[in-house]
Structures are given as C-alpha cells and as structure tokens.
C-alpha cells in the first residue's frame, strides 16, 4: 500500500511499509490528495532499453577500437 504522506514543493512524499520515499509531483494524478492510497505500476520499456544498449555499445566500440 502506497499512501501520500505529504507534498513538499514539486515532490510527493509516499509512505510504504514503514519507509518513505519521494517522487516528482508531476507523476502523481492532479486530483490526488494527502492520505490517498496509490496503485503503482512499473514496467520495462523493452524498445527504449534496446536502443539505449545499442548507443552505449557504439560509444564503447568507438572508444576501444
């Protein structure tokens, strides 16, 4: 369970399992308020990951060849 503990400027402080962490307020729905419970879904962007790895490999090849 992720609960909005408070807002601090551009950050939302989230409470979860006896710990807190901050996320950019822009990632929180506009209508969210202190005390609201959030559902958080994280997924891997497979295509962006492939492209990033290609760019890094090319940079490494250029440096070490």
N, C-alpha and C. Protein backbone atom coordinates (compact mmCIF):
# COMPACT_ATOMS: atom_id res chain seq x y z
N UNK A 1 0.85 -1.17 0.00
CA UNK A 1 0.00 0.00 0.00
C UNK A 1 0.90 1.24 0.00
N UNK A 2 0.63 2.16 -0.89
CA UNK A 2 1.39 3.40 -1.02
C UNK A 2 0.45 4.56 -0.70
N UNK A 3 0.80 5.34 0.30
CA UNK A 3 -0.07 6.42 0.77
C UNK A 3 0.66 7.74 0.62
N UNK A 4 -0.04 8.75 0.11
CA UNK A 4 0.56 10.09 0.02
C UNK A 4 0.61 10.66 1.43
N UNK A 5 1.83 10.84 1.93
CA UNK A 5 2.03 11.38 3.27
C UNK A 5 1.94 12.89 3.26
N UNK A 6 2.59 13.51 2.25
CA UNK A 6 2.57 14.97 2.16
C UNK A 6 3.17 15.39 0.82
N UNK A 7 2.99 16.67 0.52
CA UNK A 7 3.62 17.27 -0.64
C UNK A 7 4.65 18.28 -0.15
N UNK A 8 5.82 18.26 -0.76
CA UNK A 8 6.88 19.21 -0.43
C UNK A 8 7.35 19.83 -1.74
N UNK A 9 6.82 21.00 -2.05
CA UNK A 9 7.17 21.65 -3.30
C UNK A 9 6.78 20.80 -4.49
N UNK A 10 7.75 20.46 -5.32
CA UNK A 10 7.49 19.66 -6.52
C UNK A 10 7.56 18.16 -6.26
N UNK A 11 7.56 17.77 -5.00
CA UNK A 11 7.70 16.36 -4.63
C UNK A 11 6.51 15.87 -3.84
N UNK A 12 6.18 14.59 -4.04
CA UNK A 12 5.18 13.91 -3.21
C UNK A 12 5.94 12.91 -2.35
N UNK A 13 5.70 12.95 -1.05
CA UNK A 13 6.33 12.00 -0.14
C UNK A 13 5.35 10.85 0.05
N UNK A 14 5.81 9.66 -0.28
CA UNK A 14 4.97 8.47 -0.25
C UNK A 14 5.41 7.57 0.89
N UNK A 15 4.44 7.06 1.63
CA UNK A 15 4.72 6.14 2.73
C UNK A 15 4.37 4.73 2.29
N UNK A 16 5.29 3.79 2.57
CA UNK A 16 5.04 2.39 2.22
C UNK A 16 5.83 1.50 3.16
N UNK A 17 5.16 0.60 3.83
CA UNK A 17 5.82 -0.40 4.69
C UNK A 17 6.91 0.18 5.59
N UNK A 18 6.55 1.11 6.41
CA UNK A 18 7.46 1.70 7.40
C UNK A 18 8.62 2.48 6.79
N UNK A 19 8.52 2.88 5.54
CA UNK A 19 9.54 3.72 4.92
C UNK A 19 8.85 4.79 4.09
N UNK A 20 9.57 5.83 3.77
CA UNK A 20 9.03 6.86 2.89
C UNK A 20 10.00 7.10 1.75
N UNK A 21 9.47 7.55 0.64
CA UNK A 21 10.30 7.94 -0.50
C UNK A 21 9.58 9.07 -1.23
N UNK A 22 10.36 9.81 -2.00
CA UNK A 22 9.80 10.95 -2.73
C UNK A 22 9.77 10.66 -4.22
N UNK A 23 8.72 11.14 -4.85
CA UNK A 23 8.61 11.05 -6.32
C UNK A 23 8.20 12.42 -6.83
N UNK A 24 8.56 12.74 -8.05
CA UNK A 24 8.13 14.03 -8.60
C UNK A 24 6.61 14.14 -8.57
N UNK A 25 6.15 15.27 -8.13
CA UNK A 25 4.70 15.50 -8.03
C UNK A 25 4.03 15.35 -9.39
N UNK A 26 4.78 15.62 -10.46
CA UNK A 26 4.22 15.51 -11.81
C UNK A 26 3.81 14.08 -12.16
N UNK A 27 4.31 13.08 -11.43
CA UNK A 27 3.94 11.68 -11.68
C UNK A 27 2.68 11.27 -10.92
N UNK A 28 2.21 12.14 -10.05
CA UNK A 28 1.04 11.85 -9.23
C UNK A 28 -0.19 12.48 -9.90
N UNK A 29 -1.32 11.78 -9.94
CA UNK A 29 -2.52 12.37 -10.55
C UNK A 29 -2.85 13.73 -9.92
N UNK A 30 -3.30 14.65 -10.75
CA UNK A 30 -3.60 16.02 -10.29
C UNK A 30 -4.57 16.07 -9.12
N UNK A 31 -5.56 15.19 -9.14
CA UNK A 31 -6.60 15.22 -8.11
C UNK A 31 -6.20 14.52 -6.82
N UNK A 32 -4.99 13.93 -6.78
CA UNK A 32 -4.55 13.19 -5.60
C UNK A 32 -4.34 14.14 -4.42
N UNK A 33 -4.69 13.67 -3.24
CA UNK A 33 -4.59 14.47 -2.02
C UNK A 33 -3.85 13.68 -0.94
N UNK A 34 -3.37 14.38 0.07
CA UNK A 34 -2.73 13.74 1.21
C UNK A 34 -3.67 12.69 1.78
N UNK A 35 -3.14 11.50 2.05
CA UNK A 35 -3.94 10.41 2.59
C UNK A 35 -4.46 9.45 1.53
N UNK A 36 -4.41 9.86 0.26
CA UNK A 36 -4.87 8.97 -0.81
C UNK A 36 -3.95 7.76 -0.94
N UNK A 37 -4.54 6.61 -1.24
CA UNK A 37 -3.79 5.38 -1.49
C UNK A 37 -3.55 5.29 -3.00
N UNK A 38 -2.30 4.99 -3.36
CA UNK A 38 -1.92 4.92 -4.77
C UNK A 38 -1.67 3.49 -5.20
N UNK A 39 -2.01 3.18 -6.43
CA UNK A 39 -1.58 1.95 -7.10
C UNK A 39 -0.41 2.35 -7.99
N UNK A 40 0.70 1.65 -7.86
CA UNK A 40 1.88 1.97 -8.65
C UNK A 40 2.20 0.78 -9.53
N UNK A 41 2.36 1.05 -10.82
CA UNK A 41 2.67 0.01 -11.80
C UNK A 41 3.96 0.42 -12.52
N UNK A 42 4.96 -0.45 -12.48
CA UNK A 42 6.23 -0.17 -13.15
C UNK A 42 6.46 -1.27 -14.16
N UNK A 43 6.85 -0.87 -15.36
CA UNK A 43 7.15 -1.86 -16.39
C UNK A 43 8.41 -1.46 -17.14
N UNK A 44 9.03 -2.43 -17.78
CA UNK A 44 10.25 -2.18 -18.55
C UNK A 44 9.85 -1.74 -19.95
N UNK A 45 10.49 -0.68 -20.43
CA UNK A 45 10.31 -0.24 -21.82
C UNK A 45 11.37 -0.98 -22.64
N UNK A 46 10.98 -2.12 -23.19
CA UNK A 46 11.91 -3.01 -23.88
C UNK A 46 12.57 -2.33 -25.07
N UNK A 47 11.81 -1.62 -25.87
CA UNK A 47 12.38 -0.96 -27.05
C UNK A 47 13.36 0.13 -26.68
N UNK A 48 13.03 0.96 -25.71
CA UNK A 48 13.94 2.02 -25.27
C UNK A 48 15.21 1.42 -24.69
N UNK A 49 15.08 0.31 -23.98
CA UNK A 49 16.25 -0.37 -23.41
C UNK A 49 17.17 -0.87 -24.51
N UNK A 50 16.60 -1.49 -25.54
CA UNK A 50 17.40 -1.98 -26.68
C UNK A 50 18.16 -0.84 -27.35
N UNK A 51 17.46 0.27 -27.60
CA UNK A 51 18.10 1.41 -28.26
C UNK A 51 19.21 2.00 -27.40
N UNK A 52 18.98 2.09 -26.12
CA UNK A 52 19.99 2.62 -25.20
C UNK A 52 21.22 1.73 -25.20
N UNK A 53 21.02 0.42 -25.16
CA UNK A 53 22.15 -0.51 -25.17
C UNK A 53 22.94 -0.41 -26.47
N UNK A 54 22.23 -0.24 -27.59
CA UNK A 54 22.91 -0.07 -28.88
C UNK A 54 23.79 1.17 -28.87
N UNK A 55 23.24 2.30 -28.37
CA UNK A 55 24.01 3.55 -28.32
C UNK A 55 25.25 3.40 -27.45
N UNK A 56 25.09 2.77 -26.31
CA UNK A 56 26.22 2.59 -25.39
C UNK A 56 27.27 1.68 -26.02
N UNK A 57 26.85 0.61 -26.67
CA UNK A 57 27.79 -0.29 -27.31
C UNK A 57 28.57 0.42 -28.41
N UNK A 58 27.88 1.26 -29.19
CA UNK A 58 28.56 2.01 -30.25
C UNK A 58 29.59 2.96 -29.65
N UNK A 59 29.25 3.64 -28.58
CA UNK A 59 30.21 4.52 -27.92
C UNK A 59 31.43 3.74 -27.42
N UNK A 60 31.18 2.59 -26.84
CA UNK A 60 32.29 1.77 -26.34
C UNK A 60 33.17 1.28 -27.49
N UNK A 61 32.53 0.88 -28.58
CA UNK A 61 33.29 0.43 -29.76
C UNK A 61 34.15 1.54 -30.31
N UNK A 62 33.61 2.76 -30.35
CA UNK A 62 34.37 3.92 -30.85
C UNK A 62 35.57 4.23 -29.96
N UNK A 63 35.41 4.08 -28.67
CA UNK A 63 36.48 4.40 -27.72
C UNK A 63 37.56 3.32 -27.72
N UNK A 64 37.17 2.07 -27.78
CA UNK A 64 38.13 0.98 -27.60
C UNK A 64 38.64 0.36 -28.90
N UNK A 65 38.30 0.92 -30.04
CA UNK A 65 38.83 0.39 -31.31
C UNK A 65 40.00 1.18 -31.78
